[in-house]
Amino acid sequence: MCKVVSSTASDMLRVNVGREVMNAKISEVFAVRRSLDIEALSNKLGKVLSHSAAVVITNKGPVLVEYMGDSHVYVFKCNDFKSEKHVFKQRGFYFICDKENGEVPNCEITVKMFADKMVELMKNKKFNTFTHNCHHARYRTMKSFGMSSDNPNSEHKNLIVQGFVDVSKKYPKLRLVYANE
């Protein structure tokens, strides 16, 4: 029987792409969000009531890098992503870009370097909904390579208030936006 082992020394990294993609240089990074996998919040894309990740653009295509609730960093090919569209579909979820344009790293980095940095930044603690989550992973990883994105700590003092704002805000149906682009 075939034995499957991790191709990395890190138990926190789950790679779903080949070595050629992991070693591809990143030209641009987009901060992205999707609704949480909770039925009551399935149409919310707020600052705190959403899942956050990064799409890194390479010459091998776009790649989604995300820190999840199981305290692992996942790397997936992201074939549906187009930099000129602001909505894309990935594994049954509709994601939206936080900004129209991506950020450029301040040095030459690969997908592996980006994912390893996310692991390094998040490895000391387990996932925590309020203080150690996907928003922090995306923000801290992008910041470490000189890129800006929404800072989850700026909402920290008003986290509960922001949650109420997120719930009460009306969001477009991304399925319809996606279909019409």
N, C-alpha and C. Protein backbone atom coordinates (compact mmCIF):
# COMPACT_ATOMS: atom_id res chain seq x y z
N MET A 1 0.83 -1.17 0.00
CA MET A 1 0.00 0.00 0.00
C MET A 1 0.88 1.25 0.00
N CYS A 2 0.48 2.26 -0.75
CA CYS A 2 1.23 3.50 -0.87
C CYS A 2 1.12 4.32 0.41
N LYS A 3 2.23 4.86 0.87
CA LYS A 3 2.23 5.71 2.06
C LYS A 3 2.35 7.17 1.63
N VAL A 4 1.44 8.00 2.10
CA VAL A 4 1.46 9.41 1.77
C VAL A 4 2.12 10.16 2.92
N VAL A 5 3.13 10.96 2.59
CA VAL A 5 3.82 11.76 3.60
C VAL A 5 3.87 13.21 3.16
N SER A 6 4.07 14.09 4.12
CA SER A 6 4.18 15.51 3.83
C SER A 6 5.48 15.78 3.09
N SER A 7 5.44 16.70 2.13
CA SER A 7 6.65 17.06 1.40
C SER A 7 7.41 18.17 2.11
N THR A 8 6.93 18.57 3.27
CA THR A 8 7.58 19.64 4.03
C THR A 8 7.87 19.16 5.44
N ALA A 9 8.75 19.87 6.10
CA ALA A 9 9.06 19.54 7.48
C ALA A 9 7.97 20.02 8.43
N SER A 10 7.11 20.89 7.94
CA SER A 10 6.08 21.47 8.79
C SER A 10 4.81 20.64 8.78
N ASP A 11 4.34 20.30 9.97
CA ASP A 11 3.07 19.59 10.08
C ASP A 11 1.89 20.53 9.87
N MET A 12 2.14 21.84 9.91
CA MET A 12 1.05 22.81 9.76
C MET A 12 0.73 23.14 8.31
N LEU A 13 1.56 22.72 7.38
CA LEU A 13 1.38 23.09 5.97
C LEU A 13 0.77 21.94 5.19
N ARG A 14 -0.34 22.21 4.51
CA ARG A 14 -1.03 21.23 3.67
C ARG A 14 -0.96 21.71 2.23
N VAL A 15 -0.12 21.06 1.44
CA VAL A 15 0.15 21.48 0.06
C VAL A 15 -0.65 20.63 -0.91
N ASN A 16 -1.42 21.29 -1.77
CA ASN A 16 -2.24 20.60 -2.76
C ASN A 16 -1.83 20.98 -4.18
N VAL A 17 -0.58 21.38 -4.34
CA VAL A 17 -0.02 21.72 -5.65
C VAL A 17 1.34 21.06 -5.76
N GLY A 18 1.88 21.01 -6.98
CA GLY A 18 3.18 20.39 -7.20
C GLY A 18 4.35 21.29 -6.82
N ARG A 19 5.55 20.71 -6.85
CA ARG A 19 6.77 21.46 -6.51
C ARG A 19 7.00 22.65 -7.42
N GLU A 20 6.67 22.47 -8.71
CA GLU A 20 6.90 23.57 -9.66
C GLU A 20 6.05 24.79 -9.30
N VAL A 21 4.85 24.57 -8.77
CA VAL A 21 4.01 25.70 -8.34
C VAL A 21 4.55 26.27 -7.03
N MET A 22 4.94 25.42 -6.10
CA MET A 22 5.48 25.91 -4.82
C MET A 22 6.75 26.73 -5.02
N ASN A 23 7.53 26.41 -6.04
CA ASN A 23 8.78 27.13 -6.30
C ASN A 23 8.61 28.30 -7.26
N ALA A 24 7.39 28.55 -7.71
CA ALA A 24 7.13 29.67 -8.63
C ALA A 24 7.23 31.00 -7.90
N LYS A 25 7.79 31.98 -8.59
CA LYS A 25 7.94 33.32 -8.01
C LYS A 25 6.60 34.06 -8.01
N ILE A 26 6.36 34.80 -6.96
CA ILE A 26 5.12 35.57 -6.81
C ILE A 26 5.32 36.96 -7.39
N SER A 27 4.39 37.38 -8.25
CA SER A 27 4.45 38.73 -8.82
C SER A 27 3.49 39.69 -8.14
N GLU A 28 2.42 39.15 -7.56
CA GLU A 28 1.38 40.00 -6.98
C GLU A 28 0.57 39.17 -5.98
N VAL A 29 0.01 39.85 -4.96
CA VAL A 29 -0.80 39.17 -3.95
C VAL A 29 -2.09 39.94 -3.73
N PHE A 30 -3.21 39.22 -3.71
CA PHE A 30 -4.52 39.80 -3.45
C PHE A 30 -5.05 39.28 -2.11
N ALA A 31 -5.46 40.18 -1.23
CA ALA A 31 -6.17 39.79 -0.01
C ALA A 31 -7.61 39.51 -0.42
N VAL A 32 -8.14 38.35 -0.03
CA VAL A 32 -9.49 37.95 -0.43
C VAL A 32 -10.29 37.51 0.79
N ARG A 33 -11.62 37.54 0.65
CA ARG A 33 -12.54 37.12 1.71
C ARG A 33 -13.65 36.27 1.13
N ARG A 34 -14.24 35.45 2.00
CA ARG A 34 -15.46 34.72 1.66
C ARG A 34 -16.31 34.64 2.92
N SER A 35 -17.56 34.27 2.73
CA SER A 35 -18.43 34.13 3.90
C SER A 35 -17.98 32.92 4.72
N LEU A 36 -18.36 32.93 5.97
CA LEU A 36 -18.05 31.80 6.84
C LEU A 36 -18.92 30.61 6.46
N ASP A 37 -18.48 29.42 6.82
CA ASP A 37 -19.22 28.20 6.52
C ASP A 37 -20.27 27.95 7.61
N ILE A 38 -21.08 28.98 7.85
CA ILE A 38 -22.17 28.94 8.84
C ILE A 38 -23.41 29.45 8.12
N GLU A 39 -24.46 28.65 8.07
CA GLU A 39 -25.64 28.99 7.28
C GLU A 39 -26.19 30.38 7.58
N ALA A 40 -26.28 30.74 8.84
CA ALA A 40 -26.86 32.04 9.21
C ALA A 40 -26.00 33.22 8.74
N LEU A 41 -24.72 32.96 8.46
CA LEU A 41 -23.80 34.02 8.04
C LEU A 41 -23.32 33.82 6.61
N SER A 42 -24.02 33.01 5.84
CA SER A 42 -23.53 32.62 4.51
C SER A 42 -23.51 33.75 3.49
N ASN A 43 -24.12 34.88 3.79
CA ASN A 43 -24.08 36.01 2.86
C ASN A 43 -23.43 37.24 3.50
N LYS A 44 -22.54 37.01 4.47
CA LYS A 44 -21.87 38.11 5.16
C LYS A 44 -20.38 38.12 4.81
N LEU A 45 -19.88 39.29 4.45
CA LEU A 45 -18.47 39.44 4.09
C LEU A 45 -17.85 40.59 4.88
N GLY A 46 -18.19 40.68 6.13
CA GLY A 46 -17.74 41.80 6.95
C GLY A 46 -16.27 41.75 7.32
N LYS A 47 -15.86 42.74 8.11
CA LYS A 47 -14.47 42.83 8.53
C LYS A 47 -14.09 41.74 9.52
N VAL A 48 -15.04 41.28 10.32
CA VAL A 48 -14.74 40.22 11.28
C VAL A 48 -15.54 38.95 11.02
N LEU A 49 -16.71 39.06 10.42
CA LEU A 49 -17.54 37.88 10.15
C LEU A 49 -17.32 37.39 8.72
N SER A 50 -16.11 36.92 8.46
CA SER A 50 -15.76 36.37 7.15
C SER A 50 -14.49 35.55 7.30
N HIS A 51 -14.14 34.81 6.25
CA HIS A 51 -12.88 34.08 6.21
C HIS A 51 -11.95 34.85 5.28
N SER A 52 -10.70 34.98 5.65
CA SER A 52 -9.73 35.75 4.88
C SER A 52 -8.60 34.84 4.41
N ALA A 53 -8.05 35.15 3.24
CA ALA A 53 -6.94 34.39 2.68
C ALA A 53 -6.16 35.29 1.72
N ALA A 54 -5.19 34.71 1.03
CA ALA A 54 -4.42 35.46 0.04
C ALA A 54 -4.33 34.64 -1.25
N VAL A 55 -4.53 35.32 -2.37
CA VAL A 55 -4.29 34.71 -3.68
C VAL A 55 -2.97 35.27 -4.18
N VAL A 56 -2.00 34.39 -4.41
CA VAL A 56 -0.71 34.81 -4.93
C VAL A 56 -0.65 34.51 -6.42
N ILE A 57 -0.19 35.47 -7.19
CA ILE A 57 -0.13 35.33 -8.64
C ILE A 57 1.28 34.91 -9.05
N THR A 58 1.37 33.84 -9.83
CA THR A 58 2.66 33.33 -10.32
C THR A 58 2.55 33.07 -11.82
N ASN A 59 3.69 32.76 -12.44
CA ASN A 59 3.66 32.39 -13.86
C ASN A 59 3.07 30.99 -14.06
N LYS A 60 2.83 30.27 -12.98
CA LYS A 60 2.19 28.94 -13.03
C LYS A 60 0.69 29.05 -12.73
N GLY A 61 0.21 30.29 -12.58
CA GLY A 61 -1.20 30.52 -12.29
C GLY A 61 -1.41 31.00 -10.87
N PRO A 62 -2.65 31.41 -10.56
CA PRO A 62 -2.96 31.88 -9.20
C PRO A 62 -3.05 30.73 -8.20
N VAL A 63 -2.66 31.02 -6.97
CA VAL A 63 -2.64 30.02 -5.90
C VAL A 63 -3.27 30.64 -4.65
N LEU A 64 -4.16 29.90 -4.00
CA LEU A 64 -4.80 30.35 -2.76
C LEU A 64 -4.02 29.82 -1.57
N VAL A 65 -3.62 30.72 -0.67
CA VAL A 65 -2.92 30.34 0.56
C VAL A 65 -3.78 30.81 1.72
N GLU A 66 -4.19 29.87 2.59
CA GLU A 66 -5.11 30.25 3.67
C GLU A 66 -4.83 29.49 4.96
N TYR A 67 -5.01 30.19 6.07
CA TYR A 67 -4.91 29.62 7.41
C TYR A 67 -6.33 29.29 7.86
N MET A 68 -6.53 28.06 8.30
CA MET A 68 -7.88 27.59 8.60
C MET A 68 -8.06 27.32 10.10
N GLY A 69 -9.29 27.03 10.47
CA GLY A 69 -9.66 26.80 11.86
C GLY A 69 -9.01 25.60 12.51
N ASP A 70 -8.41 24.71 11.73
CA ASP A 70 -7.70 23.57 12.30
C ASP A 70 -6.22 23.89 12.55
N SER A 71 -5.87 25.17 12.47
CA SER A 71 -4.50 25.67 12.70
C SER A 71 -3.51 25.18 11.65
N HIS A 72 -3.98 24.93 10.43
CA HIS A 72 -3.11 24.54 9.33
C HIS A 72 -3.16 25.60 8.23
N VAL A 73 -2.09 25.69 7.46
CA VAL A 73 -2.03 26.56 6.29
C VAL A 73 -2.22 25.65 5.07
N TYR A 74 -3.15 26.01 4.21
CA TYR A 74 -3.46 25.22 3.01
C TYR A 74 -3.05 25.99 1.76
N VAL A 75 -2.55 25.25 0.78
CA VAL A 75 -2.16 25.83 -0.51
C VAL A 75 -2.90 25.08 -1.61
N PHE A 76 -3.71 25.82 -2.38
CA PHE A 76 -4.52 25.24 -3.46
C PHE A 76 -4.31 26.02 -4.75
N LYS A 77 -4.37 25.34 -5.87
CA LYS A 77 -4.44 26.01 -7.17
C LYS A 77 -5.77 26.75 -7.22
N CYS A 78 -5.78 27.88 -7.87
CA CYS A 78 -6.96 28.74 -7.87
C CYS A 78 -7.31 29.11 -9.31
N ASN A 79 -7.72 28.13 -10.09
CA ASN A 79 -7.91 28.30 -11.53
C ASN A 79 -8.98 29.31 -11.92
N ASP A 80 -9.97 29.54 -11.07
CA ASP A 80 -11.07 30.44 -11.42
C ASP A 80 -10.73 31.92 -11.20
N PHE A 81 -9.63 32.19 -10.51
CA PHE A 81 -9.27 33.58 -10.21
C PHE A 81 -8.77 34.31 -11.45
N LYS A 82 -9.29 35.51 -11.66
CA LYS A 82 -8.83 36.40 -12.74
C LYS A 82 -8.62 37.77 -12.10
N SER A 83 -7.45 38.36 -12.29
CA SER A 83 -7.14 39.62 -11.61
C SER A 83 -8.07 40.76 -12.02
N GLU A 84 -8.67 40.67 -13.19
CA GLU A 84 -9.59 41.74 -13.63
C GLU A 84 -11.01 41.56 -13.08
N LYS A 85 -11.30 40.39 -12.50
CA LYS A 85 -12.61 40.15 -11.87
C LYS A 85 -12.42 40.24 -10.36
N HIS A 86 -13.41 40.71 -9.66
CA HIS A 86 -13.25 40.81 -8.21
C HIS A 86 -13.96 39.70 -7.44
N VAL A 87 -14.61 38.77 -8.14
CA VAL A 87 -15.27 37.63 -7.51
C VAL A 87 -14.81 36.35 -8.22
N PHE A 88 -14.51 35.31 -7.44
CA PHE A 88 -14.15 34.02 -8.03
C PHE A 88 -14.67 32.90 -7.14
N LYS A 89 -14.75 31.71 -7.71
CA LYS A 89 -15.28 30.56 -6.99
C LYS A 89 -14.14 29.59 -6.70
N GLN A 90 -14.11 29.09 -5.48
CA GLN A 90 -13.08 28.14 -5.07
C GLN A 90 -13.69 27.15 -4.10
N ARG A 91 -13.65 25.86 -4.43
CA ARG A 91 -14.17 24.79 -3.57
C ARG A 91 -15.58 25.06 -3.06
N GLY A 92 -16.45 25.59 -3.92
CA GLY A 92 -17.84 25.81 -3.57
C GLY A 92 -18.14 27.13 -2.89
N PHE A 93 -17.13 27.93 -2.62
CA PHE A 93 -17.31 29.24 -1.99
C PHE A 93 -17.04 30.35 -2.99
N TYR A 94 -17.74 31.46 -2.82
CA TYR A 94 -17.48 32.66 -3.62
C TYR A 94 -16.59 33.59 -2.81
N PHE A 95 -15.43 33.89 -3.36
CA PHE A 95 -14.48 34.80 -2.73
C PHE A 95 -14.57 36.16 -3.40
N ILE A 96 -14.21 37.21 -2.67
CA ILE A 96 -14.17 38.56 -3.22
C ILE A 96 -12.83 39.19 -2.83
N CYS A 97 -12.25 39.96 -3.76
CA CYS A 97 -10.99 40.66 -3.48
C CYS A 97 -11.27 41.86 -2.57
N ASP A 98 -10.40 42.09 -1.60
CA ASP A 98 -10.56 43.24 -0.70
C ASP A 98 -10.30 44.56 -1.44
N LYS A 99 -9.36 44.53 -2.38
CA LYS A 99 -9.04 45.73 -3.17
C LYS A 99 -9.00 45.34 -4.64
N GLU A 100 -9.18 46.33 -5.49
CA GLU A 100 -9.20 46.09 -6.93
C GLU A 100 -7.84 45.62 -7.46
N ASN A 101 -6.77 46.19 -6.91
CA ASN A 101 -5.43 45.84 -7.36
C ASN A 101 -4.70 45.05 -6.29
N GLY A 102 -3.83 44.16 -6.73
CA GLY A 102 -3.03 43.38 -5.80
C GLY A 102 -1.84 44.18 -5.29
N GLU A 103 -1.14 43.59 -4.34
CA GLU A 103 0.06 44.19 -3.75
C GLU A 103 1.29 43.46 -4.30
N VAL A 104 2.38 44.19 -4.44
CA VAL A 104 3.63 43.62 -4.95
C VAL A 104 4.59 43.43 -3.77
N PRO A 105 5.17 42.23 -3.61
CA PRO A 105 6.11 41.99 -2.51
C PRO A 105 7.34 42.90 -2.63
N ASN A 106 7.97 43.20 -1.49
CA ASN A 106 9.15 44.06 -1.51
C ASN A 106 10.44 43.31 -1.80
N CYS A 107 10.34 42.00 -2.02
CA CYS A 107 11.50 41.19 -2.38
C CYS A 107 11.01 40.01 -3.23
N GLU A 108 11.95 39.28 -3.81
CA GLU A 108 11.59 38.13 -4.63
C GLU A 108 11.23 36.96 -3.72
N ILE A 109 9.99 36.46 -3.83
CA ILE A 109 9.55 35.34 -3.00
C ILE A 109 8.81 34.31 -3.85
N THR A 110 8.77 33.09 -3.32
CA THR A 110 8.05 32.00 -3.98
C THR A 110 6.79 31.68 -3.17
N VAL A 111 5.95 30.85 -3.74
CA VAL A 111 4.74 30.39 -3.04
C VAL A 111 5.15 29.68 -1.75
N LYS A 112 6.19 28.85 -1.82
CA LYS A 112 6.67 28.12 -0.64
C LYS A 112 7.12 29.08 0.45
N MET A 113 7.86 30.11 0.07
CA MET A 113 8.33 31.09 1.06
C MET A 113 7.15 31.80 1.73
N PHE A 114 6.15 32.15 0.93
CA PHE A 114 4.95 32.83 1.46
C PHE A 114 4.21 31.91 2.43
N ALA A 115 3.97 30.66 2.02
CA ALA A 115 3.25 29.70 2.87
C ALA A 115 4.05 29.37 4.13
N ASP A 116 5.36 29.19 3.99
CA ASP A 116 6.20 28.91 5.15
C ASP A 116 6.20 30.07 6.14
N LYS A 117 6.18 31.30 5.63
CA LYS A 117 6.13 32.48 6.50
C LYS A 117 4.82 32.50 7.27
N MET A 118 3.71 32.15 6.60
CA MET A 118 2.42 32.11 7.28
C MET A 118 2.45 31.07 8.40
N VAL A 119 3.03 29.91 8.12
CA VAL A 119 3.16 28.87 9.14
C VAL A 119 3.99 29.39 10.31
N GLU A 120 5.13 30.00 10.00
CA GLU A 120 6.02 30.52 11.04
C GLU A 120 5.32 31.54 11.94
N LEU A 121 4.54 32.41 11.33
CA LEU A 121 3.86 33.46 12.09
C LEU A 121 2.71 32.93 12.95
N MET A 122 2.12 31.81 12.54
CA MET A 122 0.93 31.31 13.23
C MET A 122 1.17 30.07 14.09
N LYS A 123 2.36 29.52 14.09
CA LYS A 123 2.60 28.22 14.70
C LYS A 123 2.60 28.20 16.23
N ASN A 124 2.79 29.31 16.87
CA ASN A 124 2.96 29.29 18.33
C ASN A 124 1.67 29.12 19.12
N LYS A 125 0.53 29.38 18.48
CA LYS A 125 -0.75 29.25 19.18
C LYS A 125 -1.77 28.56 18.29
N LYS A 126 -2.76 27.95 18.92
CA LYS A 126 -3.87 27.35 18.18
C LYS A 126 -4.78 28.46 17.65
N PHE A 127 -5.56 28.12 16.63
CA PHE A 127 -6.54 29.05 16.07
C PHE A 127 -7.45 29.56 17.18
N ASN A 128 -7.69 30.87 17.17
CA ASN A 128 -8.62 31.50 18.11
C ASN A 128 -9.46 32.47 17.31
N THR A 129 -10.75 32.35 17.40
CA THR A 129 -11.67 33.16 16.59
C THR A 129 -11.41 34.66 16.71
N PHE A 130 -11.00 35.11 17.88
CA PHE A 130 -10.86 36.55 18.10
C PHE A 130 -9.44 37.08 17.99
N THR A 131 -8.44 36.28 18.35
CA THR A 131 -7.08 36.84 18.46
C THR A 131 -6.02 36.16 17.61
N HIS A 132 -6.31 35.03 17.02
CA HIS A 132 -5.29 34.29 16.26
C HIS A 132 -6.00 33.53 15.14
N ASN A 133 -6.39 34.26 14.09
CA ASN A 133 -7.26 33.68 13.08
C ASN A 133 -6.76 33.95 11.66
N CYS A 134 -7.58 33.62 10.68
CA CYS A 134 -7.22 33.75 9.27
C CYS A 134 -6.92 35.20 8.88
N HIS A 135 -7.62 36.17 9.47
CA HIS A 135 -7.38 37.58 9.17
C HIS A 135 -5.98 37.98 9.63
N HIS A 136 -5.59 37.52 10.83
CA HIS A 136 -4.26 37.81 11.35
C HIS A 136 -3.18 37.14 10.49
N ALA A 137 -3.42 35.90 10.07
CA ALA A 137 -2.45 35.18 9.25
C ALA A 137 -2.21 35.90 7.93
N ARG A 138 -3.28 36.28 7.24
CA ARG A 138 -3.16 37.00 5.97
C ARG A 138 -2.46 38.33 6.15
N TYR A 139 -2.90 39.11 7.13
CA TYR A 139 -2.34 40.44 7.38
C TYR A 139 -0.85 40.36 7.73
N ARG A 140 -0.49 39.51 8.68
CA ARG A 140 0.90 39.42 9.14
C ARG A 140 1.83 38.89 8.06
N THR A 141 1.35 37.93 7.26
CA THR A 141 2.18 37.38 6.19
C THR A 141 2.43 38.42 5.11
N MET A 142 1.38 39.08 4.67
CA MET A 142 1.55 40.12 3.66
C MET A 142 2.43 41.25 4.18
N LYS A 143 2.23 41.65 5.42
CA LYS A 143 3.02 42.74 6.01
C LYS A 143 4.51 42.37 6.07
N SER A 144 4.81 41.11 6.36
CA SER A 144 6.21 40.70 6.48
C SER A 144 6.95 40.79 5.15
N PHE A 145 6.21 40.84 4.03
CA PHE A 145 6.82 41.01 2.71
C PHE A 145 6.53 42.41 2.14
N GLY A 146 6.22 43.36 3.03
CA GLY A 146 6.06 44.75 2.64
C GLY A 146 4.76 45.10 1.95
N MET A 147 3.74 44.28 2.11
CA MET A 147 2.45 44.52 1.44
C MET A 147 1.41 44.96 2.46
N SER A 148 0.48 45.80 2.03
CA SER A 148 -0.57 46.26 2.94
C SER A 148 -1.87 45.51 2.67
N SER A 149 -2.66 45.39 3.72
CA SER A 149 -4.01 44.82 3.64
C SER A 149 -4.73 45.22 4.91
N ASP A 150 -6.03 44.95 4.99
CA ASP A 150 -6.80 45.33 6.17
C ASP A 150 -6.18 44.75 7.44
N ASN A 151 -5.98 45.61 8.43
CA ASN A 151 -5.40 45.20 9.70
C ASN A 151 -6.52 44.76 10.65
N PRO A 152 -6.57 43.47 11.01
CA PRO A 152 -7.64 43.00 11.88
C PRO A 152 -7.55 43.58 13.29
N ASN A 153 -6.37 44.02 13.69
CA ASN A 153 -6.20 44.59 15.03
C ASN A 153 -6.80 45.99 15.15
N SER A 154 -7.01 46.67 14.04
CA SER A 154 -7.58 48.01 14.11
C SER A 154 -9.03 47.96 14.57
N GLU A 155 -9.68 46.82 14.43
CA GLU A 155 -11.07 46.66 14.86
C GLU A 155 -11.16 46.01 16.24
N HIS A 156 -10.01 45.70 16.85
CA HIS A 156 -9.98 44.89 18.07
C HIS A 156 -10.79 45.49 19.22
N LYS A 157 -10.69 46.78 19.44
CA LYS A 157 -11.41 47.39 20.57
C LYS A 157 -12.91 47.33 20.37
N ASN A 158 -13.35 47.33 19.13
CA ASN A 158 -14.78 47.34 18.82
C ASN A 158 -15.22 46.06 18.11
N LEU A 159 -14.61 44.94 18.48
CA LEU A 159 -14.87 43.67 17.80
C LEU A 159 -16.34 43.29 17.83
N ILE A 160 -16.98 43.41 18.97
CA ILE A 160 -18.39 43.05 19.09
C ILE A 160 -19.25 44.03 18.29
N VAL A 161 -18.93 45.31 18.38
CA VAL A 161 -19.66 46.31 17.60
C VAL A 161 -19.51 46.03 16.11
N GLN A 162 -18.27 45.72 15.67
CA GLN A 162 -18.04 45.43 14.26
C GLN A 162 -18.81 44.18 13.83
N GLY A 163 -18.91 43.19 14.70
CA GLY A 163 -19.70 42.00 14.41
C GLY A 163 -21.16 42.34 14.15
N PHE A 164 -21.73 43.23 14.96
CA PHE A 164 -23.11 43.67 14.74
C PHE A 164 -23.25 44.43 13.43
N VAL A 165 -22.26 45.27 13.12
CA VAL A 165 -22.27 46.01 11.84
C VAL A 165 -22.24 45.02 10.69
N ASP A 166 -21.36 44.00 10.78
CA ASP A 166 -21.25 42.99 9.72
C ASP A 166 -22.57 42.25 9.52
N VAL A 167 -23.24 41.89 10.62
CA VAL A 167 -24.50 41.14 10.53
C VAL A 167 -25.60 41.99 9.92
N SER A 168 -25.66 43.26 10.30
CA SER A 168 -26.76 44.10 9.85
C SER A 168 -26.56 44.67 8.44
N LYS A 169 -25.33 44.67 7.95
CA LYS A 169 -25.05 45.23 6.62
C LYS A 169 -25.62 44.33 5.52
N LYS A 170 -26.14 44.95 4.48
CA LYS A 170 -26.65 44.22 3.32
C LYS A 170 -25.50 44.02 2.33
N TYR A 171 -25.29 42.79 1.91
CA TYR A 171 -24.23 42.45 0.98
C TYR A 171 -24.84 41.94 -0.32
N PRO A 172 -24.17 42.17 -1.45
CA PRO A 172 -24.70 41.64 -2.71
C PRO A 172 -24.61 40.11 -2.72
N LYS A 173 -25.49 39.49 -3.44
CA LYS A 173 -25.43 38.04 -3.61
C LYS A 173 -24.26 37.75 -4.56
N LEU A 174 -23.17 37.23 -4.01
CA LEU A 174 -21.96 37.02 -4.81
C LEU A 174 -22.19 36.04 -5.95
N ARG A 175 -23.09 35.09 -5.75
CA ARG A 175 -23.40 34.13 -6.80
C ARG A 175 -23.89 34.87 -8.04
N LEU A 176 -24.72 35.90 -7.85
CA LEU A 176 -25.25 36.68 -8.97
C LEU A 176 -24.18 37.59 -9.56
N VAL A 177 -23.37 38.20 -8.71
CA VAL A 177 -22.28 39.06 -9.19
C VAL A 177 -21.32 38.23 -10.03
N TYR A 178 -20.98 37.03 -9.53
CA TYR A 178 -20.07 36.12 -10.22
C TYR A 178 -20.63 35.73 -11.58
N ALA A 179 -21.91 35.40 -11.63
CA ALA A 179 -22.54 34.95 -12.88
C ALA A 179 -22.62 36.07 -13.91
N ASN A 180 -22.72 37.31 -13.46
CA ASN A 180 -22.88 38.44 -14.38
C ASN A 180 -21.56 39.07 -14.83
N GLU A 181 -20.44 38.65 -14.27
CA GLU A 181 -19.16 39.25 -14.68
C GLU A 181 -18.64 38.64 -15.96
